[in-house]
Amino acid sequence: MRTVIAGQLVELPGTIAAIRAALDEDRAKAFDAEIPHVPVAELPLTLARWALSTTDADAEDAELFARLARGEDVGA
């Protein structure tokens, strides 16, 4: 999987094992606790969320939402 973050093409972990390996110990425990209980229909979105959490995408999104909340024109 690939996405663009801060203008750069980023390769995301593409397997359950790779996602887990990219997480720190505490987040890996949370991942292990969540994944076995995710309904099949929700699994792709949940795995994508976890894969994105291994990047700076959350910080980029938070900054964008903060700018929107301040009423800035973000060019969207």
C-alpha atoms as a PDB file:
ATOM      1  CA  MET A   1       0.000   0.000   0.000  1.00  0.00           C
ATOM      2  CA  ARG A   2       1.166   3.523  -0.739  1.00  0.00           C
ATOM      3  CA  THR A   3       0.005   6.984   0.205  1.00  0.00           C
ATOM      4  CA  VAL A   4       1.275  10.534   0.040  1.00  0.00           C
ATOM      5  CA  ILE A   5       2.227  12.208   3.308  1.00  0.00           C
ATOM      6  CA  ALA A   6       3.713  15.708   3.398  1.00  0.00           C
ATOM      7  CA  GLY A   7       4.121  15.536  -0.362  1.00  0.00           C
ATOM      8  CA  GLN A   8       6.164  12.328  -0.247  1.00  0.00           C
ATOM      9  CA  LEU A   9       5.147   8.900  -1.507  1.00  0.00           C
ATOM     10  CA  VAL A  10       5.209   6.538   1.485  1.00  0.00           C
ATOM     11  CA  GLU A  11       5.110   2.735   1.403  1.00  0.00           C
ATOM     12  CA  LEU A  12       2.832   1.456   4.164  1.00  0.00           C
ATOM     13  CA  PRO A  13       3.193  -1.930   5.825  1.00  0.00           C
ATOM     14  CA  GLY A  14       1.158  -4.272   3.623  1.00  0.00           C
ATOM     15  CA  THR A  15       0.518  -7.313   5.794  1.00  0.00           C
ATOM     16  CA  ILE A  16      -0.857  -7.867   9.263  1.00  0.00           C
ATOM     17  CA  ALA A  17       2.593  -9.039  10.375  1.00  0.00           C
ATOM     18  CA  ALA A  18       4.311  -5.998   8.842  1.00  0.00           C
ATOM     19  CA  ILE A  19       1.863  -3.602  10.480  1.00  0.00           C
ATOM     20  CA  ARG A  20       2.405  -5.244  13.848  1.00  0.00           C
ATOM     21  CA  ALA A  21       6.195  -5.186  13.409  1.00  0.00           C
ATOM     22  CA  ALA A  22       6.087  -1.439  12.728  1.00  0.00           C
ATOM     23  CA  LEU A  23       4.336  -0.705  16.038  1.00  0.00           C
ATOM     24  CA  ASP A  24       5.986  -0.050  19.384  1.00  0.00           C
ATOM     25  CA  GLU A  25       5.354  -2.572  22.161  1.00  0.00           C
ATOM     26  CA  ASP A  26       2.334  -0.839  23.706  1.00  0.00           C
ATOM     27  CA  ARG A  27       0.654  -0.218  20.373  1.00  0.00           C
ATOM     28  CA  ALA A  28       1.397  -3.793  19.270  1.00  0.00           C
ATOM     29  CA  LYS A  29      -0.470  -5.023  22.350  1.00  0.00           C
ATOM     30  CA  ALA A  30      -3.456  -2.824  21.467  1.00  0.00           C
ATOM     31  CA  PHE A  31      -3.302  -4.085  17.869  1.00  0.00           C
ATOM     32  CA  ASP A  32      -3.219  -7.708  19.072  1.00  0.00           C
ATOM     33  CA  ALA A  33      -6.207  -7.067  21.323  1.00  0.00           C
ATOM     34  CA  GLU A  34      -8.265  -5.373  18.596  1.00  0.00           C
ATOM     35  CA  ILE A  35      -7.615  -7.281  15.370  1.00  0.00           C
ATOM     36  CA  PRO A  36      -9.055 -10.697  16.314  1.00  0.00           C
ATOM     37  CA  HIS A  37     -12.379  -9.037  17.166  1.00  0.00           C
ATOM     38  CA  VAL A  38     -12.813  -6.822  14.095  1.00  0.00           C
ATOM     39  CA  PRO A  39     -15.730  -7.906  11.892  1.00  0.00           C
ATOM     40  CA  VAL A  40     -14.535  -9.114   8.477  1.00  0.00           C
ATOM     41  CA  ALA A  41     -16.312  -6.278   6.686  1.00  0.00           C
ATOM     42  CA  GLU A  42     -14.388  -3.731   8.790  1.00  0.00           C
ATOM     43  CA  LEU A  43     -10.990  -5.437   8.579  1.00  0.00           C
ATOM     44  CA  PRO A  44      -9.600  -3.581   5.513  1.00  0.00           C
ATOM     45  CA  LEU A  45     -10.395  -0.154   6.980  1.00  0.00           C
ATOM     46  CA  THR A  46      -9.070  -1.140  10.402  1.00  0.00           C
ATOM     47  CA  LEU A  47      -5.821  -2.466   8.931  1.00  0.00           C
ATOM     48  CA  ALA A  48      -5.433   0.695   6.842  1.00  0.00           C
ATOM     49  CA  ARG A  49      -5.934   2.814   9.979  1.00  0.00           C
ATOM     50  CA  TRP A  50      -3.261   0.834  11.825  1.00  0.00           C
ATOM     51  CA  ALA A  51      -0.881   0.974   8.840  1.00  0.00           C
ATOM     52  CA  LEU A  52      -1.323   4.746   8.604  1.00  0.00           C
ATOM     53  CA  SER A  53      -0.670   5.032  12.332  1.00  0.00           C
ATOM     54  CA  THR A  54       2.934   3.949  11.662  1.00  0.00           C
ATOM     55  CA  THR A  55       3.486   7.202   9.715  1.00  0.00           C
ATOM     56  CA  ASP A  56       3.160  10.936  10.310  1.00  0.00           C
ATOM     57  CA  ALA A  57      -0.264  10.967   8.626  1.00  0.00           C
ATOM     58  CA  ASP A  58      -2.046  11.651  11.926  1.00  0.00           C
ATOM     59  CA  ALA A  59       0.052  14.745  12.582  1.00  0.00           C
ATOM     60  CA  GLU A  60      -0.544  16.003   9.047  1.00  0.00           C
ATOM     61  CA  ASP A  61      -4.301  15.437   9.413  1.00  0.00           C
ATOM     62  CA  ALA A  62      -4.391  17.119  12.835  1.00  0.00           C
ATOM     63  CA  GLU A  63      -2.617  20.164  11.417  1.00  0.00           C
ATOM     64  CA  LEU A  64      -5.045  20.356   8.482  1.00  0.00           C
ATOM     65  CA  PHE A  65      -8.099  20.069  10.752  1.00  0.00           C
ATOM     66  CA  ALA A  66      -6.684  22.747  13.066  1.00  0.00           C
ATOM     67  CA  ARG A  67      -6.248  25.077  10.089  1.00  0.00           C
ATOM     68  CA  LEU A  68      -9.808  24.363   8.966  1.00  0.00           C
ATOM     69  CA  ALA A  69     -11.097  25.024  12.500  1.00  0.00           C
ATOM     70  CA  ARG A  70      -9.353  28.420  12.434  1.00  0.00           C
ATOM     71  CA  GLY A  71     -11.176  29.159   9.177  1.00  0.00           C
ATOM     72  CA  GLU A  72      -8.048  29.139   7.013  1.00  0.00           C
ATOM     73  CA  ASP A  73      -8.338  28.526   3.294  1.00  0.00           C
ATOM     74  CA  VAL A  74      -6.522  25.228   2.748  1.00  0.00           C
ATOM     75  CA  GLY A  75      -7.024  25.183  -0.995  1.00  0.00           C
ATOM     76  CA  ALA A  76      -9.400  22.256  -0.974  1.00  0.00           C
END
